Amino acid sequence: MQALPLPGLDRPDLDWLLLAPADPAGLDGIEPLQVRQRPVEVGETVHLVGCPYAAARCVQQVYSGRVVERMGNMFRFEFKPHVNLAGFSGAPVIDAQGHLVGVMTISFRPRELFDKHVEGGGQDVAAIAPLLRG
């Protein structure tokens, strides 16, 4: 994999890294997530996909939640089951149709219950959609 040097992606208010395969031939049969063009909305169901940092072997989990707040290009969502979010930074957040709506990143102090996070945060892909279109 190699990082894509996309102009504008180095803005301090963005938390994205885009990768491209060094050898695309090895990705036959793998479909990339479709990028959603409009921002995620309060009340919408989202799904965080990833592996807890503490997991010895990564078996992808899906944690479903509901967007409860928007703050500029950021959004906050509550989910169950509660999870320790250590290691989830950069994990995809997708909508009910499987489209990428953001990446997991937290710019606030999330609520916790018994050492597990009750809420997470994301940066909306709509923040970089114009950069992706060129």
C-alpha atoms as a PDB file:
ATOM      1  CA  MET A   1       0.000   0.000   0.000  1.00  0.00           C
ATOM      2  CA  GLN A   2       1.065   3.563  -0.571  1.00  0.00           C
ATOM      3  CA  ALA A   3      -0.405   6.845   0.611  1.00  0.00           C
ATOM      4  CA  LEU A   4      -2.074   8.966  -2.053  1.00  0.00           C
ATOM      5  CA  PRO A   5      -0.714  12.538  -2.056  1.00  0.00           C
ATOM      6  CA  LEU A   6      -4.079  14.209  -2.609  1.00  0.00           C
ATOM      7  CA  PRO A   7      -3.884  18.039  -2.682  1.00  0.00           C
ATOM      8  CA  GLY A   8      -5.900  19.537   0.172  1.00  0.00           C
ATOM      9  CA  LEU A   9      -5.917  16.389   2.291  1.00  0.00           C
ATOM     10  CA  ASP A  10      -3.222  17.826   4.553  1.00  0.00           C
ATOM     11  CA  ARG A  11      -5.594  20.404   6.074  1.00  0.00           C
ATOM     12  CA  PRO A  12      -5.354  20.419   9.892  1.00  0.00           C
ATOM     13  CA  ASP A  13      -9.133  19.944  10.235  1.00  0.00           C
ATOM     14  CA  LEU A  14      -9.075  16.639   8.316  1.00  0.00           C
ATOM     15  CA  ASP A  15      -8.174  13.213   9.725  1.00  0.00           C
ATOM     16  CA  TRP A  16      -7.930  11.140   6.559  1.00  0.00           C
ATOM     17  CA  LEU A  17      -5.268   8.974   4.932  1.00  0.00           C
ATOM     18  CA  LEU A  18      -6.077   7.486   1.533  1.00  0.00           C
ATOM     19  CA  LEU A  19      -4.205   4.403   0.404  1.00  0.00           C
ATOM     20  CA  ALA A  20      -3.690   2.815  -2.986  1.00  0.00           C
ATOM     21  CA  PRO A  21      -2.436  -0.726  -3.569  1.00  0.00           C
ATOM     22  CA  ALA A  22       1.105  -1.031  -4.878  1.00  0.00           C
ATOM     23  CA  ASP A  23      -0.094  -3.951  -7.037  1.00  0.00           C
ATOM     24  CA  PRO A  24      -3.813  -3.695  -7.920  1.00  0.00           C
ATOM     25  CA  ALA A  25      -3.702  -7.150  -9.559  1.00  0.00           C
ATOM     26  CA  GLY A  26      -3.750  -8.727  -6.095  1.00  0.00           C
ATOM     27  CA  LEU A  27      -7.153  -7.178  -5.379  1.00  0.00           C
ATOM     28  CA  ASP A  28      -9.207  -9.094  -7.931  1.00  0.00           C
ATOM     29  CA  GLY A  29     -12.726  -9.657  -6.628  1.00  0.00           C
ATOM     30  CA  ILE A  30     -12.456  -7.024  -3.895  1.00  0.00           C
ATOM     31  CA  GLU A  31     -14.948  -4.182  -4.173  1.00  0.00           C
ATOM     32  CA  PRO A  32     -14.207  -0.803  -2.548  1.00  0.00           C
ATOM     33  CA  LEU A  33     -16.848   0.902  -0.443  1.00  0.00           C
ATOM     34  CA  GLN A  34     -18.955   3.402  -2.353  1.00  0.00           C
ATOM     35  CA  VAL A  35     -18.486   6.949  -1.050  1.00  0.00           C
ATOM     36  CA  ARG A  36     -21.647   8.768  -0.050  1.00  0.00           C
ATOM     37  CA  GLN A  37     -21.827  12.310  -1.396  1.00  0.00           C
ATOM     38  CA  ARG A  38     -24.126  13.901   1.186  1.00  0.00           C
ATOM     39  CA  PRO A  39     -23.407  14.366   4.908  1.00  0.00           C
ATOM     40  CA  VAL A  40     -24.712  11.921   7.483  1.00  0.00           C
ATOM     41  CA  GLU A  41     -27.795  13.244   9.311  1.00  0.00           C
ATOM     42  CA  VAL A  42     -28.852  13.366  12.964  1.00  0.00           C
ATOM     43  CA  GLY A  43     -31.122  10.394  13.685  1.00  0.00           C
ATOM     44  CA  GLU A  44     -29.587   8.254  10.951  1.00  0.00           C
ATOM     45  CA  THR A  45     -28.377   4.711  11.664  1.00  0.00           C
ATOM     46  CA  VAL A  46     -24.652   4.137  11.095  1.00  0.00           C
ATOM     47  CA  HIS A  47     -22.392   1.107  11.496  1.00  0.00           C
ATOM     48  CA  LEU A  48     -18.802   1.119  12.771  1.00  0.00           C
ATOM     49  CA  VAL A  49     -16.776  -1.738  11.268  1.00  0.00           C
ATOM     50  CA  GLY A  50     -13.529  -2.926  12.824  1.00  0.00           C
ATOM     51  CA  CYS A  51     -11.706  -4.971  15.426  1.00  0.00           C
ATOM     52  CA  PRO A  52     -11.194  -4.088  19.076  1.00  0.00           C
ATOM     53  CA  TYR A  53      -7.526  -3.300  19.780  1.00  0.00           C
ATOM     54  CA  ALA A  54      -7.447  -5.913  22.549  1.00  0.00           C
ATOM     55  CA  ALA A  55      -8.506  -8.729  20.198  1.00  0.00           C
ATOM     56  CA  ALA A  56      -5.603 -11.136  19.688  1.00  0.00           C
ATOM     57  CA  ARG A  57      -6.977 -12.157  16.285  1.00  0.00           C
ATOM     58  CA  CYS A  58      -8.948  -9.644  14.318  1.00  0.00           C
ATOM     59  CA  VAL A  59     -12.447 -10.780  13.539  1.00  0.00           C
ATOM     60  CA  GLN A  60     -14.313  -7.807  12.150  1.00  0.00           C
ATOM     61  CA  GLN A  61     -17.237  -6.672  14.241  1.00  0.00           C
ATOM     62  CA  VAL A  62     -20.066  -4.327  13.335  1.00  0.00           C
ATOM     63  CA  TYR A  63     -21.363  -1.897  15.961  1.00  0.00           C
ATOM     64  CA  SER A  64     -24.599  -0.159  15.027  1.00  0.00           C
ATOM     65  CA  GLY A  65     -25.618   3.212  16.346  1.00  0.00           C
ATOM     66  CA  ARG A  66     -27.532   6.388  15.740  1.00  0.00           C
ATOM     67  CA  VAL A  67     -26.119   9.818  14.918  1.00  0.00           C
ATOM     68  CA  VAL A  68     -27.044  12.178  17.764  1.00  0.00           C
ATOM     69  CA  GLU A  69     -25.100  15.344  16.899  1.00  0.00           C
ATOM     70  CA  ARG A  70     -23.254  17.079  14.068  1.00  0.00           C
ATOM     71  CA  MET A  71     -20.405  19.529  14.655  1.00  0.00           C
ATOM     72  CA  GLY A  72     -19.168  20.895  11.322  1.00  0.00           C
ATOM     73  CA  ASN A  73     -17.488  17.987   9.510  1.00  0.00           C
ATOM     74  CA  MET A  74     -17.695  15.817  12.635  1.00  0.00           C
ATOM     75  CA  PHE A  75     -20.543  13.735  14.015  1.00  0.00           C
ATOM     76  CA  ARG A  76     -21.246  11.923  17.270  1.00  0.00           C
ATOM     77  CA  PHE A  77     -23.087   8.598  17.454  1.00  0.00           C
ATOM     78  CA  GLU A  78     -24.340   6.365  20.279  1.00  0.00           C
ATOM     79  CA  PHE A  79     -24.199   2.607  19.891  1.00  0.00           C
ATOM     80  CA  LYS A  80     -24.860  -0.769  21.499  1.00  0.00           C
ATOM     81  CA  PRO A  81     -23.256  -2.993  22.462  1.00  0.00           C
ATOM     82  CA  HIS A  82     -20.834  -0.656  24.174  1.00  0.00           C
ATOM     83  CA  VAL A  83     -17.214  -1.251  23.190  1.00  0.00           C
ATOM     84  CA  ASN A  84     -13.687  -0.177  24.043  1.00  0.00           C
ATOM     85  CA  LEU A  85     -12.810   1.968  21.020  1.00  0.00           C
ATOM     86  CA  ALA A  86      -9.026   1.719  21.439  1.00  0.00           C
ATOM     87  CA  GLY A  87      -7.646   0.857  18.012  1.00  0.00           C
ATOM     88  CA  PHE A  88     -10.736   1.867  16.034  1.00  0.00           C
ATOM     89  CA  SER A  89      -9.303   5.189  14.814  1.00  0.00           C
ATOM     90  CA  GLY A  90      -9.689   5.352  11.055  1.00  0.00           C
ATOM     91  CA  ALA A  91     -12.216   2.503  10.912  1.00  0.00           C
ATOM     92  CA  PRO A  92     -14.986   2.971   8.365  1.00  0.00           C
ATOM     93  CA  VAL A  93     -18.406   4.232   9.383  1.00  0.00           C
ATOM     94  CA  ILE A  94     -21.056   3.162   6.885  1.00  0.00           C
ATOM     95  CA  ASP A  95     -24.749   3.907   6.364  1.00  0.00           C
ATOM     96  CA  ALA A  96     -27.642   1.442   6.068  1.00  0.00           C
ATOM     97  CA  GLN A  97     -26.929   1.028   2.322  1.00  0.00           C
ATOM     98  CA  GLY A  98     -23.264   0.143   2.939  1.00  0.00           C
ATOM     99  CA  HIS A  99     -21.902   3.481   1.688  1.00  0.00           C
ATOM    100  CA  LEU A 100     -18.936   5.071   3.419  1.00  0.00           C
ATOM    101  CA  VAL A 101     -20.113   8.084   5.437  1.00  0.00           C
ATOM    102  CA  GLY A 102     -16.990   8.701   7.513  1.00  0.00           C
ATOM    103  CA  VAL A 103     -14.058   7.419   9.513  1.00  0.00           C
ATOM    104  CA  MET A 104     -13.973   6.845  13.255  1.00  0.00           C
ATOM    105  CA  THR A 105     -12.189   9.647  15.054  1.00  0.00           C
ATOM    106  CA  ILE A 106     -12.989  11.329  18.329  1.00  0.00           C
ATOM    107  CA  SER A 107     -12.557  15.063  18.856  1.00  0.00           C
ATOM    108  CA  PHE A 108     -14.499  15.132  22.131  1.00  0.00           C
ATOM    109  CA  ARG A 109     -14.542  13.261  25.436  1.00  0.00           C
ATOM    110  CA  PRO A 110     -16.865  10.289  24.796  1.00  0.00           C
ATOM    111  CA  ARG A 111     -19.157   8.941  27.484  1.00  0.00           C
ATOM    112  CA  GLU A 112     -18.187   5.585  28.970  1.00  0.00           C
ATOM    113  CA  LEU A 113     -19.961   2.945  31.049  1.00  0.00           C
ATOM    114  CA  PHE A 114     -17.922   0.295  32.883  1.00  0.00           C
ATOM    115  CA  ASP A 115     -14.775   1.029  30.823  1.00  0.00           C
ATOM    116  CA  LYS A 116     -16.621   0.756  27.509  1.00  0.00           C
ATOM    117  CA  HIS A 117     -17.592   3.569  25.184  1.00  0.00           C
ATOM    118  CA  VAL A 118     -21.267   4.450  24.865  1.00  0.00           C
ATOM    119  CA  GLU A 119     -20.592   6.794  21.967  1.00  0.00           C
ATOM    120  CA  GLY A 120     -18.093   7.355  19.230  1.00  0.00           C
ATOM    121  CA  GLY A 121     -17.306  10.008  16.709  1.00  0.00           C
ATOM    122  CA  GLY A 122     -16.643  10.304  13.055  1.00  0.00           C
ATOM    123  CA  GLN A 123     -15.413  12.694  10.442  1.00  0.00           C
ATOM    124  CA  ASP A 124     -17.857  12.908   7.564  1.00  0.00           C
ATOM    125  CA  VAL A 125     -16.618  11.768   4.154  1.00  0.00           C
ATOM    126  CA  ALA A 126     -18.519  14.731   2.706  1.00  0.00           C
ATOM    127  CA  ALA A 127     -15.604  16.835   4.041  1.00  0.00           C
ATOM    128  CA  ILE A 128     -13.257  15.293   1.466  1.00  0.00           C
ATOM    129  CA  ALA A 129     -15.720  14.364  -1.310  1.00  0.00           C
ATOM    130  CA  PRO A 130     -14.767  17.447  -3.387  1.00  0.00           C
ATOM    131  CA  LEU A 131     -11.089  16.431  -3.143  1.00  0.00           C
ATOM    132  CA  LEU A 132     -11.906  12.921  -4.364  1.00  0.00           C
ATOM    133  CA  ARG A 133     -13.680  14.298  -7.433  1.00  0.00           C
ATOM    134  CA  GLY A 134     -10.604  16.343  -8.268  1.00  0.00           C
END
